[in-house]
Amino acid sequence: MANHTAPRERDESEITLAELRGDCARMAPHWVTPSDAAPSPVSPALIHRIVVSPASARLADAVIGG
């Protein structure tokens, strides 16, 4: 007996990474940044009361740490 499934309709809020990147690329010319856009460093001692799940921390570390 064959198992046939119909394609699932995509919710409007579900977009692919490629679609998101395309949207960002189209919007980039509309974003204006000041010439001194580089933020000044913040001491880790000043950052407190931020709680994230271990999975989110690993993801952020991978993105920031490269």
C-alpha atoms as a PDB file:
ATOM      1  CA  MET A   1       0.000   0.000   0.000  1.00  0.00           C
ATOM      2  CA  ALA A   2       1.475   3.340  -1.051  1.00  0.00           C
ATOM      3  CA  ASN A   3       1.803   6.129   1.458  1.00  0.00           C
ATOM      4  CA  HIS A   4       0.925   9.412  -0.231  1.00  0.00           C
ATOM      5  CA  THR A   5       1.101  12.701   1.594  1.00  0.00           C
ATOM      6  CA  ALA A   6      -0.056  16.063   0.394  1.00  0.00           C
ATOM      7  CA  PRO A   7       2.445  18.909   0.585  1.00  0.00           C
ATOM      8  CA  ARG A   8       1.975  20.951   3.728  1.00  0.00           C
ATOM      9  CA  GLU A   9       0.927  24.547   3.179  1.00  0.00           C
ATOM     10  CA  ARG A  10       3.471  26.936   4.539  1.00  0.00           C
ATOM     11  CA  ASP A  11       2.344  29.414   7.191  1.00  0.00           C
ATOM     12  CA  GLU A  12       2.834  33.037   6.251  1.00  0.00           C
ATOM     13  CA  SER A  13       5.251  33.417   9.167  1.00  0.00           C
ATOM     14  CA  GLU A  14       7.465  30.566   7.941  1.00  0.00           C
ATOM     15  CA  ILE A  15      10.166  31.732   5.575  1.00  0.00           C
ATOM     16  CA  THR A  16      13.369  30.090   4.480  1.00  0.00           C
ATOM     17  CA  LEU A  17      16.795  31.418   5.328  1.00  0.00           C
ATOM     18  CA  ALA A  18      17.312  32.268   1.651  1.00  0.00           C
ATOM     19  CA  GLU A  19      14.083  34.311   1.619  1.00  0.00           C
ATOM     20  CA  LEU A  20      15.119  36.114   4.793  1.00  0.00           C
ATOM     21  CA  ARG A  21      18.549  36.929   3.362  1.00  0.00           C
ATOM     22  CA  GLY A  22      16.927  38.207   0.172  1.00  0.00           C
ATOM     23  CA  ASP A  23      14.552  40.425   2.150  1.00  0.00           C
ATOM     24  CA  CYS A  24      17.475  41.818   4.150  1.00  0.00           C
ATOM     25  CA  ALA A  25      19.512  42.455   0.994  1.00  0.00           C
ATOM     26  CA  ARG A  26      16.628  44.400  -0.538  1.00  0.00           C
ATOM     27  CA  MET A  27      16.175  46.463   2.628  1.00  0.00           C
ATOM     28  CA  ALA A  28      19.876  47.195   3.228  1.00  0.00           C
ATOM     29  CA  PRO A  29      19.992  50.280   0.982  1.00  0.00           C
ATOM     30  CA  HIS A  30      17.183  51.802   3.070  1.00  0.00           C
ATOM     31  CA  TRP A  31      19.083  51.502   6.355  1.00  0.00           C
ATOM     32  CA  VAL A  32      21.212  54.459   7.306  1.00  0.00           C
ATOM     33  CA  THR A  33      24.014  54.067   9.801  1.00  0.00           C
ATOM     34  CA  PRO A  34      26.072  56.816  11.360  1.00  0.00           C
ATOM     35  CA  SER A  35      29.734  56.942  10.397  1.00  0.00           C
ATOM     36  CA  ASP A  36      30.732  56.045  13.968  1.00  0.00           C
ATOM     37  CA  ALA A  37      28.509  52.945  14.036  1.00  0.00           C
ATOM     38  CA  ALA A  38      31.044  50.839  15.955  1.00  0.00           C
ATOM     39  CA  PRO A  39      29.760  50.491  19.526  1.00  0.00           C
ATOM     40  CA  SER A  40      32.154  51.057  22.370  1.00  0.00           C
ATOM     41  CA  PRO A  41      33.064  47.897  24.298  1.00  0.00           C
ATOM     42  CA  VAL A  42      31.125  47.118  27.461  1.00  0.00           C
ATOM     43  CA  SER A  43      32.803  45.508  30.416  1.00  0.00           C
ATOM     44  CA  PRO A  44      31.417  42.015  31.102  1.00  0.00           C
ATOM     45  CA  ALA A  45      31.101  43.091  34.744  1.00  0.00           C
ATOM     46  CA  LEU A  46      28.349  45.509  33.673  1.00  0.00           C
ATOM     47  CA  ILE A  47      26.289  42.809  31.972  1.00  0.00           C
ATOM     48  CA  HIS A  48      24.100  40.975  34.471  1.00  0.00           C
ATOM     49  CA  ARG A  49      20.723  39.322  34.902  1.00  0.00           C
ATOM     50  CA  ILE A  50      20.718  37.881  31.408  1.00  0.00           C
ATOM     51  CA  VAL A  51      19.530  34.278  31.402  1.00  0.00           C
ATOM     52  CA  VAL A  52      19.412  32.127  28.275  1.00  0.00           C
ATOM     53  CA  SER A  53      19.101  28.416  27.703  1.00  0.00           C
ATOM     54  CA  PRO A  54      22.333  26.443  27.172  1.00  0.00           C
ATOM     55  CA  ALA A  55      21.321  25.838  23.540  1.00  0.00           C
ATOM     56  CA  SER A  56      20.871  29.580  22.939  1.00  0.00           C
ATOM     57  CA  ALA A  57      24.209  30.298  24.602  1.00  0.00           C
ATOM     58  CA  ARG A  58      25.941  27.767  22.319  1.00  0.00           C
ATOM     59  CA  LEU A  59      24.257  29.300  19.269  1.00  0.00           C
ATOM     60  CA  ALA A  60      25.278  32.844  20.260  1.00  0.00           C
ATOM     61  CA  ASP A  61      28.811  31.670  20.998  1.00  0.00           C
ATOM     62  CA  ALA A  62      29.029  30.005  17.584  1.00  0.00           C
ATOM     63  CA  VAL A  63      27.756  33.132  15.827  1.00  0.00           C
ATOM     64  CA  ILE A  64      29.909  35.593  17.736  1.00  0.00           C
ATOM     65  CA  GLY A  65      32.946  33.363  18.095  1.00  0.00           C
ATOM     66  CA  GLY A  66      32.836  32.428  14.420  1.00  0.00           C
END
